[in-house]
Amino acid sequence: MQVKRVKFLDKGFLTSLVLILAFGLVVLYSASSGISSDPLYYVKKQILWLTVGLFLAIMLIRFDYSQLEAYWKHLYVISMITLMVVLIFGQEVRGTTGWIGFGPFPNIQPAEFTKILLIVAFAAYLNKRKDRLDTFIDMLPCFLFMGIPWLLIMLQPDLGTGLVYIAVTLLMMFIAGANPKILGIIILLVSLVIALMLFLHFQFGTWLPLDDYQLKRLIVFIDPYNDGQGGRGAGWNTIQSLVAIGSGGLTGKGLFNGSQVQLNFLPEHHTDFIYAVIGEELGFIGGVLVVLLY
């Protein structure tokens, strides 16, 4: 690694990153201590991936990423092929055909990797159109550029990742100098259309391009008790996370003392709902500290 490149590393970013990683390992140990026969299983697994990530980070620091701009078309094509392969050969996990396996190795979700490739490709694409995104017609090619992979994601179907792709597209266009008024109008119109479609569906039973489980996610997001089972169905996870965070109060119950976590009332508390673990065991102060570090 060149010394002059080390000098330009963001020291504040690295400090925050190290603190987040250390904080995460401690909370993960508390969250997963009663799940496996080995209380350190998930912590050791996390450390393994942190080591891999550190190695890749060192390699990437040595690489001049601006060279990727010359290959943005290749990256885009690779992303499209990858997403199409998943649709054909992918395995269904929790209602989404977005995972693929390679022999004895764990299944991976290619959409997470294509997300990075598409960000690089889209950045190069926008760079050629910088300061020329004043009208909707100017922006239309950008929407088509990211719209095609978005459609492939939605065919899996993966609503969560699809929403992330939309956010990434709009944010990158804003940074590239797209007219903020036009972007704002587009967001407002799309929001109104979605609201109207949901209203018509619930009032008159009109069709929605969503599976039942995806629709339930939207319903329980607004009201977790409105899941058809009094909060014991699709809204259960959300309710238990709210209970966990609320019971933590200002300073929390202390590590290993969260009843929602340690008694396994809170589902997936070592993965999707680990922030609720922070809220219960370390309280409002711990939760805010994590947000500030990010």
C-alpha atoms as a PDB file:
ATOM      1  CA  MET A   1       0.000   0.000   0.000  1.00  0.00           C
ATOM      2  CA  GLN A   2       1.358   3.420  -0.892  1.00  0.00           C
ATOM      3  CA  VAL A   3       2.077   5.584   2.158  1.00  0.00           C
ATOM      4  CA  LYS A   4       0.623   8.669   0.501  1.00  0.00           C
ATOM      5  CA  ARG A   5      -2.706   6.885   0.072  1.00  0.00           C
ATOM      6  CA  VAL A   6      -2.778   5.953   3.759  1.00  0.00           C
ATOM      7  CA  LYS A   7      -2.387   9.627   4.651  1.00  0.00           C
ATOM      8  CA  PHE A   8      -5.651  10.419   2.889  1.00  0.00           C
ATOM      9  CA  LEU A   9      -7.707   7.768   4.684  1.00  0.00           C
ATOM     10  CA  ASP A  10     -10.631   9.218   6.613  1.00  0.00           C
ATOM     11  CA  LYS A  11      -9.520   8.765  10.224  1.00  0.00           C
ATOM     12  CA  GLY A  12     -12.911   9.738  11.638  1.00  0.00           C
ATOM     13  CA  PHE A  13     -14.670   7.198   9.423  1.00  0.00           C
ATOM     14  CA  LEU A  14     -12.254   4.439  10.421  1.00  0.00           C
ATOM     15  CA  THR A  15     -12.673   5.248  14.112  1.00  0.00           C
ATOM     16  CA  SER A  16     -16.468   5.099  13.843  1.00  0.00           C
ATOM     17  CA  LEU A  17     -16.248   1.873  11.870  1.00  0.00           C
ATOM     18  CA  VAL A  18     -14.038   0.148  14.446  1.00  0.00           C
ATOM     19  CA  LEU A  19     -16.337   1.243  17.275  1.00  0.00           C
ATOM     20  CA  ILE A  20     -19.425  -0.005  15.393  1.00  0.00           C
ATOM     21  CA  LEU A  21     -17.790  -3.378  14.720  1.00  0.00           C
ATOM     22  CA  ALA A  22     -16.669  -3.798  18.325  1.00  0.00           C
ATOM     23  CA  PHE A  23     -20.057  -2.692  19.623  1.00  0.00           C
ATOM     24  CA  GLY A  24     -21.753  -5.105  17.222  1.00  0.00           C
ATOM     25  CA  LEU A  25     -19.709  -8.093  18.382  1.00  0.00           C
ATOM     26  CA  VAL A  26     -20.574  -7.421  22.017  1.00  0.00           C
ATOM     27  CA  VAL A  27     -24.298  -7.072  21.307  1.00  0.00           C
ATOM     28  CA  LEU A  28     -24.240 -10.107  18.997  1.00  0.00           C
ATOM     29  CA  TYR A  29     -22.722 -12.178  21.806  1.00  0.00           C
ATOM     30  CA  SER A  30     -25.542 -11.148  24.100  1.00  0.00           C
ATOM     31  CA  ALA A  31     -28.203 -11.714  21.422  1.00  0.00           C
ATOM     32  CA  SER A  32     -26.985 -15.165  20.370  1.00  0.00           C
ATOM     33  CA  SER A  33     -25.792 -16.636  23.657  1.00  0.00           C
ATOM     34  CA  GLY A  34     -28.867 -18.840  24.093  1.00  0.00           C
ATOM     35  CA  ILE A  35     -29.515 -19.785  20.465  1.00  0.00           C
ATOM     36  CA  SER A  36     -26.694 -22.243  19.788  1.00  0.00           C
ATOM     37  CA  SER A  37     -24.955 -24.850  21.937  1.00  0.00           C
ATOM     38  CA  ASP A  38     -21.818 -22.803  21.333  1.00  0.00           C
ATOM     39  CA  PRO A  39     -22.485 -19.305  22.742  1.00  0.00           C
ATOM     40  CA  LEU A  40     -19.682 -17.903  20.582  1.00  0.00           C
ATOM     41  CA  TYR A  41     -20.825 -19.533  17.317  1.00  0.00           C
ATOM     42  CA  TYR A  42     -22.269 -16.392  15.703  1.00  0.00           C
ATOM     43  CA  VAL A  43     -19.527 -14.180  17.117  1.00  0.00           C
ATOM     44  CA  LYS A  44     -16.810 -16.396  15.609  1.00  0.00           C
ATOM     45  CA  LYS A  45     -18.718 -16.470  12.330  1.00  0.00           C
ATOM     46  CA  GLN A  46     -18.924 -12.681  12.358  1.00  0.00           C
ATOM     47  CA  ILE A  47     -15.209 -12.352  13.129  1.00  0.00           C
ATOM     48  CA  LEU A  48     -14.442 -14.647  10.196  1.00  0.00           C
ATOM     49  CA  TRP A  49     -16.379 -12.410   7.802  1.00  0.00           C
ATOM     50  CA  LEU A  50     -14.834  -9.303   9.351  1.00  0.00           C
ATOM     51  CA  THR A  51     -11.412 -10.771   8.591  1.00  0.00           C
ATOM     52  CA  VAL A  52     -12.424 -11.456   4.997  1.00  0.00           C
ATOM     53  CA  GLY A  53     -13.829  -7.935   4.740  1.00  0.00           C
ATOM     54  CA  LEU A  54     -10.649  -6.413   6.132  1.00  0.00           C
ATOM     55  CA  PHE A  55      -8.547  -8.303   3.594  1.00  0.00           C
ATOM     56  CA  LEU A  56     -10.793  -7.135   0.742  1.00  0.00           C
ATOM     57  CA  ALA A  57     -10.718  -3.567   2.059  1.00  0.00           C
ATOM     58  CA  ILE A  58      -6.912  -3.549   2.043  1.00  0.00           C
ATOM     59  CA  MET A  59      -6.916  -4.855  -1.519  1.00  0.00           C
ATOM     60  CA  LEU A  60      -9.448  -2.227  -2.620  1.00  0.00           C
ATOM     61  CA  ILE A  61      -7.460   0.610  -1.028  1.00  0.00           C
ATOM     62  CA  ARG A  62      -4.528  -0.397  -3.223  1.00  0.00           C
ATOM     63  CA  PHE A  63      -6.751  -0.241  -6.317  1.00  0.00           C
ATOM     64  CA  ASP A  64      -7.618   2.957  -8.158  1.00  0.00           C
ATOM     65  CA  TYR A  65     -11.397   2.525  -8.387  1.00  0.00           C
ATOM     66  CA  SER A  66     -11.686   5.230 -11.063  1.00  0.00           C
ATOM     67  CA  GLN A  67     -10.358   2.638 -13.518  1.00  0.00           C
ATOM     68  CA  LEU A  68     -13.703   0.845 -13.225  1.00  0.00           C
ATOM     69  CA  GLU A  69     -15.359   3.648 -15.170  1.00  0.00           C
ATOM     70  CA  ALA A  70     -13.965   2.214 -18.398  1.00  0.00           C
ATOM     71  CA  TYR A  71     -15.737  -1.081 -17.712  1.00  0.00           C
ATOM     72  CA  TRP A  72     -19.142   0.196 -16.598  1.00  0.00           C
ATOM     73  CA  LYS A  73     -20.924  -1.477 -19.537  1.00  0.00           C
ATOM     74  CA  HIS A  74     -19.381  -4.821 -18.653  1.00  0.00           C
ATOM     75  CA  LEU A  75     -20.401  -4.429 -15.006  1.00  0.00           C
ATOM     76  CA  TYR A  76     -23.944  -3.616 -16.070  1.00  0.00           C
ATOM     77  CA  VAL A  77     -24.179  -6.657 -18.336  1.00  0.00           C
ATOM     78  CA  ILE A  78     -22.732  -8.912 -15.621  1.00  0.00           C
ATOM     79  CA  SER A  79     -25.374  -7.610 -13.218  1.00  0.00           C
ATOM     80  CA  MET A  80     -28.187  -8.312 -15.687  1.00  0.00           C
ATOM     81  CA  ILE A  81     -26.940 -11.828 -16.425  1.00  0.00           C
ATOM     82  CA  THR A  82     -26.553 -12.570 -12.717  1.00  0.00           C
ATOM     83  CA  LEU A  83     -30.100 -11.447 -11.897  1.00  0.00           C
ATOM     84  CA  MET A  84     -31.512 -13.499 -14.786  1.00  0.00           C
ATOM     85  CA  VAL A  85     -29.562 -16.597 -13.722  1.00  0.00           C
ATOM     86  CA  VAL A  86     -31.039 -16.286 -10.234  1.00  0.00           C
ATOM     87  CA  LEU A  87     -34.561 -16.213 -11.685  1.00  0.00           C
ATOM     88  CA  ILE A  88     -33.867 -19.441 -13.581  1.00  0.00           C
ATOM     89  CA  PHE A  89     -31.745 -21.436 -11.132  1.00  0.00           C
ATOM     90  CA  GLY A  90     -32.325 -19.633  -7.834  1.00  0.00           C
ATOM     91  CA  GLN A  91     -33.650 -21.257  -4.681  1.00  0.00           C
ATOM     92  CA  GLU A  92     -36.715 -19.979  -2.849  1.00  0.00           C
ATOM     93  CA  VAL A  93     -36.100 -18.739   0.678  1.00  0.00           C
ATOM     94  CA  ARG A  94     -39.015 -17.190   2.608  1.00  0.00           C
ATOM     95  CA  GLY A  95     -41.032 -16.587  -0.531  1.00  0.00           C
ATOM     96  CA  THR A  96     -38.214 -15.040  -2.571  1.00  0.00           C
ATOM     97  CA  THR A  97     -36.316 -16.768  -5.382  1.00  0.00           C
ATOM     98  CA  GLY A  98     -33.277 -14.604  -4.816  1.00  0.00           C
ATOM     99  CA  TRP A  99     -30.764 -17.096  -3.445  1.00  0.00           C
ATOM    100  CA  ILE A 100     -28.375 -19.419  -5.201  1.00  0.00           C
ATOM    101  CA  GLY A 101     -26.035 -22.099  -3.884  1.00  0.00           C
ATOM    102  CA  PHE A 102     -22.683 -23.446  -5.037  1.00  0.00           C
ATOM    103  CA  GLY A 103     -22.059 -26.951  -3.782  1.00  0.00           C
ATOM    104  CA  PRO A 104     -21.172 -27.118  -0.073  1.00  0.00           C
ATOM    105  CA  PHE A 105     -20.948 -23.331   0.265  1.00  0.00           C
ATOM    106  CA  PRO A 106     -23.760 -21.365   1.944  1.00  0.00           C
ATOM    107  CA  ASN A 107     -26.430 -19.842  -0.280  1.00  0.00           C
ATOM    108  CA  ILE A 108     -25.751 -16.267  -1.357  1.00  0.00           C
ATOM    109  CA  GLN A 109     -28.056 -13.477  -2.468  1.00  0.00           C
ATOM    110  CA  PRO A 110     -26.626 -12.119  -5.759  1.00  0.00           C
ATOM    111  CA  ALA A 111     -28.782  -8.980  -5.563  1.00  0.00           C
ATOM    112  CA  GLU A 112     -26.502  -7.724  -2.781  1.00  0.00           C
ATOM    113  CA  PHE A 113     -23.466  -8.006  -5.070  1.00  0.00           C
ATOM    114  CA  THR A 114     -25.179  -6.642  -8.175  1.00  0.00           C
ATOM    115  CA  LYS A 115     -26.212  -3.664  -6.069  1.00  0.00           C
ATOM    116  CA  ILE A 116     -22.537  -2.668  -5.817  1.00  0.00           C
ATOM    117  CA  LEU A 117     -21.851  -3.338  -9.494  1.00  0.00           C
ATOM    118  CA  LEU A 118     -24.872  -1.294 -10.528  1.00  0.00           C
ATOM    119  CA  ILE A 119     -23.860   1.621  -8.291  1.00  0.00           C
ATOM    120  CA  VAL A 120     -20.466   1.732 -10.017  1.00  0.00           C
ATOM    121  CA  ALA A 121     -22.019   1.377 -13.490  1.00  0.00           C
ATOM    122  CA  PHE A 122     -24.724   3.949 -12.775  1.00  0.00           C
ATOM    123  CA  ALA A 123     -22.141   6.393 -11.396  1.00  0.00           C
ATOM    124  CA  ALA A 124     -20.199   6.205 -14.678  1.00  0.00           C
ATOM    125  CA  TYR A 125     -23.446   6.512 -16.649  1.00  0.00           C
ATOM    126  CA  LEU A 126     -24.493   9.603 -14.674  1.00  0.00           C
ATOM    127  CA  ASN A 127     -21.029  11.127 -14.976  1.00  0.00           C
ATOM    128  CA  LYS A 128     -21.563  11.401 -18.730  1.00  0.00           C
ATOM    129  CA  ARG A 129     -24.876  13.205 -18.114  1.00  0.00           C
ATOM    130  CA  LYS A 130     -23.828  15.422 -15.246  1.00  0.00           C
ATOM    131  CA  ASP A 131     -25.596  18.806 -15.262  1.00  0.00           C
ATOM    132  CA  ARG A 132     -27.806  17.592 -18.122  1.00  0.00           C
ATOM    133  CA  LEU A 133     -30.658  16.236 -16.023  1.00  0.00           C
ATOM    134  CA  ASP A 134     -32.997  19.211 -15.991  1.00  0.00           C
ATOM    135  CA  THR A 135     -36.203  17.715 -17.405  1.00  0.00           C
ATOM    136  CA  PHE A 136     -38.078  14.446 -17.093  1.00  0.00           C
ATOM    137  CA  ILE A 137     -37.048  13.547 -20.657  1.00  0.00           C
ATOM    138  CA  ASP A 138     -33.414  14.024 -19.651  1.00  0.00           C
ATOM    139  CA  MET A 139     -33.918  11.724 -16.658  1.00  0.00           C
ATOM    140  CA  LEU A 140     -35.876   9.026 -18.492  1.00  0.00           C
ATOM    141  CA  PRO A 141     -32.796   7.098 -19.740  1.00  0.00           C
ATOM    142  CA  CYS A 142     -31.526   6.978 -16.132  1.00  0.00           C
ATOM    143  CA  PHE A 143     -34.805   5.503 -14.916  1.00  0.00           C
ATOM    144  CA  LEU A 144     -34.666   2.912 -17.701  1.00  0.00           C
ATOM    145  CA  PHE A 145     -31.046   2.123 -16.847  1.00  0.00           C
ATOM    146  CA  MET A 146     -31.925   1.186 -13.264  1.00  0.00           C
ATOM    147  CA  GLY A 147     -35.499   0.174 -14.041  1.00  0.00           C
ATOM    148  CA  ILE A 148     -34.517  -3.009 -15.878  1.00  0.00           C
ATOM    149  CA  PRO A 149     -32.547  -4.540 -12.961  1.00  0.00           C
ATOM    150  CA  TRP A 150     -35.304  -3.316 -10.633  1.00  0.00           C
ATOM    151  CA  LEU A 151     -37.858  -5.315 -12.616  1.00  0.00           C
ATOM    152  CA  LEU A 152     -35.653  -8.407 -12.404  1.00  0.00           C
ATOM    153  CA  ILE A 153     -35.461  -7.926  -8.634  1.00  0.00           C
ATOM    154  CA  MET A 154     -39.240  -7.577  -8.377  1.00  0.00           C
ATOM    155  CA  LEU A 155     -39.730 -10.774 -10.408  1.00  0.00           C
ATOM    156  CA  GLN A 156     -37.991 -12.757  -7.648  1.00  0.00           C
ATOM    157  CA  PRO A 157     -39.992 -11.074  -5.922  1.00  0.00           C
ATOM    158  CA  ASP A 158     -37.912  -9.088  -3.412  1.00  0.00           C
ATOM    159  CA  LEU A 159     -39.785  -5.968  -2.345  1.00  0.00           C
ATOM    160  CA  GLY A 160     -37.208  -4.890   0.241  1.00  0.00           C
ATOM    161  CA  THR A 161     -34.251  -4.940  -2.160  1.00  0.00           C
ATOM    162  CA  GLY A 162     -36.411  -3.324  -4.849  1.00  0.00           C
ATOM    163  CA  LEU A 163     -37.118  -0.383  -2.539  1.00  0.00           C
ATOM    164  CA  VAL A 164     -33.389  -0.045  -1.843  1.00  0.00           C
ATOM    165  CA  TYR A 165     -32.700   0.113  -5.598  1.00  0.00           C
ATOM    166  CA  ILE A 166     -35.251   2.923  -5.944  1.00  0.00           C
ATOM    167  CA  ALA A 167     -33.660   4.891  -3.096  1.00  0.00           C
ATOM    168  CA  VAL A 168     -30.170   4.410  -4.554  1.00  0.00           C
ATOM    169  CA  THR A 169     -31.333   5.561  -7.998  1.00  0.00           C
ATOM    170  CA  LEU A 170     -32.989   8.754  -6.752  1.00  0.00           C
ATOM    171  CA  LEU A 171     -30.138   9.657  -4.400  1.00  0.00           C
ATOM    172  CA  MET A 172     -27.447   9.159  -7.035  1.00  0.00           C
ATOM    173  CA  MET A 173     -29.408  11.233  -9.546  1.00  0.00           C
ATOM    174  CA  PHE A 174     -29.796  14.002  -6.976  1.00  0.00           C
ATOM    175  CA  ILE A 175     -26.049  13.988  -6.293  1.00  0.00           C
ATOM    176  CA  ALA A 176     -25.378  14.027 -10.055  1.00  0.00           C
ATOM    177  CA  GLY A 177     -27.280  17.314 -10.315  1.00  0.00           C
ATOM    178  CA  ALA A 178     -30.747  16.172 -11.368  1.00  0.00           C
ATOM    179  CA  ASN A 179     -33.417  18.847 -11.036  1.00  0.00           C
ATOM    180  CA  PRO A 180     -34.624  18.467  -7.410  1.00  0.00           C
ATOM    181  CA  LYS A 181     -38.065  19.853  -8.259  1.00  0.00           C
ATOM    182  CA  ILE A 182     -38.612  17.200 -10.928  1.00  0.00           C
ATOM    183  CA  LEU A 183     -37.380  14.467  -8.578  1.00  0.00           C
ATOM    184  CA  GLY A 184     -39.677  15.768  -5.849  1.00  0.00           C
ATOM    185  CA  ILE A 185     -42.672  15.786  -8.186  1.00  0.00           C
ATOM    186  CA  ILE A 186     -41.895  12.231  -9.310  1.00  0.00           C
ATOM    187  CA  ILE A 187     -41.635  10.996  -5.709  1.00  0.00           C
ATOM    188  CA  LEU A 188     -44.902  12.773  -4.801  1.00  0.00           C
ATOM    189  CA  LEU A 189     -46.792  11.376  -7.805  1.00  0.00           C
ATOM    190  CA  VAL A 190     -45.533   7.833  -7.220  1.00  0.00           C
ATOM    191  CA  SER A 191     -46.484   8.075  -3.538  1.00  0.00           C
ATOM    192  CA  LEU A 192     -49.986   9.266  -4.450  1.00  0.00           C
ATOM    193  CA  VAL A 193     -50.411   6.453  -6.974  1.00  0.00           C
ATOM    194  CA  ILE A 194     -49.306   3.850  -4.412  1.00  0.00           C
ATOM    195  CA  ALA A 195     -51.657   5.318  -1.806  1.00  0.00           C
ATOM    196  CA  LEU A 196     -54.536   5.270  -4.303  1.00  0.00           C
ATOM    197  CA  MET A 197     -53.832   1.660  -5.311  1.00  0.00           C
ATOM    198  CA  LEU A 198     -53.760   0.578  -1.661  1.00  0.00           C
ATOM    199  CA  PHE A 199     -57.009   2.447  -0.958  1.00  0.00           C
ATOM    200  CA  LEU A 200     -58.773   0.867  -3.940  1.00  0.00           C
ATOM    201  CA  HIS A 201     -57.489  -2.574  -2.956  1.00  0.00           C
ATOM    202  CA  PHE A 202     -58.705  -2.398   0.635  1.00  0.00           C
ATOM    203  CA  GLN A 203     -61.998  -0.720  -0.232  1.00  0.00           C
ATOM    204  CA  PHE A 204     -62.952  -2.482  -3.456  1.00  0.00           C
ATOM    205  CA  GLY A 205     -60.588  -5.455  -3.714  1.00  0.00           C
ATOM    206  CA  THR A 206     -58.765  -4.238  -6.819  1.00  0.00           C
ATOM    207  CA  TRP A 207     -55.620  -6.052  -7.961  1.00  0.00           C
ATOM    208  CA  LEU A 208     -52.179  -5.189  -6.596  1.00  0.00           C
ATOM    209  CA  PRO A 209     -48.831  -6.393  -8.024  1.00  0.00           C
ATOM    210  CA  LEU A 210     -47.867  -7.776  -4.602  1.00  0.00           C
ATOM    211  CA  ASP A 211     -47.966 -11.202  -3.025  1.00  0.00           C
ATOM    212  CA  ASP A 212     -49.981 -11.671   0.161  1.00  0.00           C
ATOM    213  CA  TYR A 213     -46.901 -11.697   2.407  1.00  0.00           C
ATOM    214  CA  GLN A 214     -45.642  -8.449   0.827  1.00  0.00           C
ATOM    215  CA  LEU A 215     -49.001  -6.799   1.348  1.00  0.00           C
ATOM    216  CA  LYS A 216     -49.030  -7.952   4.960  1.00  0.00           C
ATOM    217  CA  ARG A 217     -45.656  -6.295   5.467  1.00  0.00           C
ATOM    218  CA  LEU A 218     -47.159  -2.975   4.420  1.00  0.00           C
ATOM    219  CA  ILE A 219     -50.209  -3.502   6.620  1.00  0.00           C
ATOM    220  CA  VAL A 220     -48.281  -4.461   9.746  1.00  0.00           C
ATOM    221  CA  PHE A 221     -45.838  -1.599   9.167  1.00  0.00           C
ATOM    222  CA  ILE A 222     -48.759   0.775   9.658  1.00  0.00           C
ATOM    223  CA  ASP A 223     -50.542  -1.288  12.321  1.00  0.00           C
ATOM    224  CA  PRO A 224     -48.834  -4.510  13.510  1.00  0.00           C
ATOM    225  CA  TYR A 225     -51.994  -5.561  15.376  1.00  0.00           C
ATOM    226  CA  ASN A 226     -53.974  -5.530  12.115  1.00  0.00           C
ATOM    227  CA  ASP A 227     -52.582  -8.840  10.853  1.00  0.00           C
ATOM    228  CA  GLY A 228     -55.797 -10.827  11.095  1.00  0.00           C
ATOM    229  CA  GLN A 229     -54.602 -12.615  14.228  1.00  0.00           C
ATOM    230  CA  GLY A 230     -54.581  -9.810  16.764  1.00  0.00           C
ATOM    231  CA  GLY A 231     -50.842  -9.274  16.499  1.00  0.00           C
ATOM    232  CA  ARG A 232     -49.931 -12.951  16.726  1.00  0.00           C
ATOM    233  CA  GLY A 233     -49.357 -13.338  12.985  1.00  0.00           C
ATOM    234  CA  ALA A 234     -47.314 -11.182  10.614  1.00  0.00           C
ATOM    235  CA  GLY A 235     -47.235  -8.343  13.134  1.00  0.00           C
ATOM    236  CA  TRP A 236     -45.689 -10.441  15.922  1.00  0.00           C
ATOM    237  CA  ASN A 237     -42.061  -9.555  15.134  1.00  0.00           C
ATOM    238  CA  THR A 238     -42.742  -5.831  15.016  1.00  0.00           C
ATOM    239  CA  ILE A 239     -44.759  -5.875  18.247  1.00  0.00           C
ATOM    240  CA  GLN A 240     -42.095  -7.809  20.132  1.00  0.00           C
ATOM    241  CA  SER A 241     -39.392  -5.433  18.915  1.00  0.00           C
ATOM    242  CA  LEU A 242     -41.437  -2.442  20.105  1.00  0.00           C
ATOM    243  CA  VAL A 243     -41.945  -4.104  23.481  1.00  0.00           C
ATOM    244  CA  ALA A 244     -38.212  -4.803  23.745  1.00  0.00           C
ATOM    245  CA  ILE A 245     -37.158  -1.250  22.879  1.00  0.00           C
ATOM    246  CA  GLY A 246     -39.857   0.285  25.091  1.00  0.00           C
ATOM    247  CA  SER A 247     -38.953  -1.837  28.105  1.00  0.00           C
ATOM    248  CA  GLY A 248     -35.309  -0.746  27.866  1.00  0.00           C
ATOM    249  CA  GLY A 249     -36.117   2.782  28.983  1.00  0.00           C
ATOM    250  CA  LEU A 250     -33.313   5.309  29.193  1.00  0.00           C
ATOM    251  CA  THR A 251     -30.358   3.169  30.226  1.00  0.00           C
ATOM    252  CA  GLY A 252     -31.542  -0.390  29.422  1.00  0.00           C
ATOM    253  CA  LYS A 253     -31.697  -3.557  31.472  1.00  0.00           C
ATOM    254  CA  GLY A 254     -28.031  -4.359  30.954  1.00  0.00           C
ATOM    255  CA  LEU A 255     -26.273  -6.863  28.711  1.00  0.00           C
ATOM    256  CA  PHE A 256     -27.652 -10.426  29.069  1.00  0.00           C
ATOM    257  CA  ASN A 257     -30.590  -9.092  31.111  1.00  0.00           C
ATOM    258  CA  GLY A 258     -33.117  -8.379  28.372  1.00  0.00           C
ATOM    259  CA  SER A 259     -36.163 -10.592  28.965  1.00  0.00           C
ATOM    260  CA  GLN A 260     -37.459 -10.267  25.396  1.00  0.00           C
ATOM    261  CA  VAL A 261     -34.068 -11.328  24.076  1.00  0.00           C
ATOM    262  CA  GLN A 262     -32.810 -13.886  26.552  1.00  0.00           C
ATOM    263  CA  LEU A 263     -36.188 -15.658  26.809  1.00  0.00           C
ATOM    264  CA  ASN A 264     -36.513 -15.694  22.992  1.00  0.00           C
ATOM    265  CA  PHE A 265     -39.737 -13.698  22.787  1.00  0.00           C
ATOM    266  CA  LEU A 266     -38.092 -11.475  20.179  1.00  0.00           C
ATOM    267  CA  PRO A 267     -37.724 -13.408  16.880  1.00  0.00           C
ATOM    268  CA  GLU A 268     -34.537 -13.198  14.799  1.00  0.00           C
ATOM    269  CA  HIS A 269     -32.916 -11.109  17.514  1.00  0.00           C
ATOM    270  CA  HIS A 270     -29.395 -12.037  16.415  1.00  0.00           C
ATOM    271  CA  THR A 271     -30.019 -10.804  12.846  1.00  0.00           C
ATOM    272  CA  ASP A 272     -32.938  -8.667  11.617  1.00  0.00           C
ATOM    273  CA  PHE A 273     -34.034  -7.371  15.030  1.00  0.00           C
ATOM    274  CA  ILE A 274     -30.679  -6.871  16.708  1.00  0.00           C
ATOM    275  CA  TYR A 275     -31.351  -3.141  17.083  1.00  0.00           C
ATOM    276  CA  ALA A 276     -34.216  -4.086  19.399  1.00  0.00           C
ATOM    277  CA  VAL A 277     -31.632  -5.951  21.494  1.00  0.00           C
ATOM    278  CA  ILE A 278     -29.659  -2.722  21.812  1.00  0.00           C
ATOM    279  CA  GLY A 279     -32.811  -0.857  22.794  1.00  0.00           C
ATOM    280  CA  GLU A 280     -33.769  -3.329  25.515  1.00  0.00           C
ATOM    281  CA  GLU A 281     -30.385  -4.052  27.024  1.00  0.00           C
ATOM    282  CA  LEU A 282     -28.643  -0.695  26.537  1.00  0.00           C
ATOM    283  CA  GLY A 283     -31.671   1.577  26.432  1.00  0.00           C
ATOM    284  CA  PHE A 284     -32.273   4.856  24.638  1.00  0.00           C
ATOM    285  CA  ILE A 285     -28.696   5.960  25.283  1.00  0.00           C
ATOM    286  CA  GLY A 286     -27.232   2.844  23.618  1.00  0.00           C
ATOM    287  CA  GLY A 287     -29.614   3.102  20.672  1.00  0.00           C
ATOM    288  CA  VAL A 288     -28.786   6.761  20.077  1.00  0.00           C
ATOM    289  CA  LEU A 289     -25.052   6.041  20.383  1.00  0.00           C
ATOM    290  CA  VAL A 290     -25.255   3.511  17.545  1.00  0.00           C
ATOM    291  CA  VAL A 291     -27.127   5.962  15.323  1.00  0.00           C
ATOM    292  CA  LEU A 292     -24.581   8.704  16.062  1.00  0.00           C
ATOM    293  CA  LEU A 293     -21.697   6.358  15.197  1.00  0.00           C
ATOM    294  CA  TYR A 294     -23.319   5.651  11.836  1.00  0.00           C
END
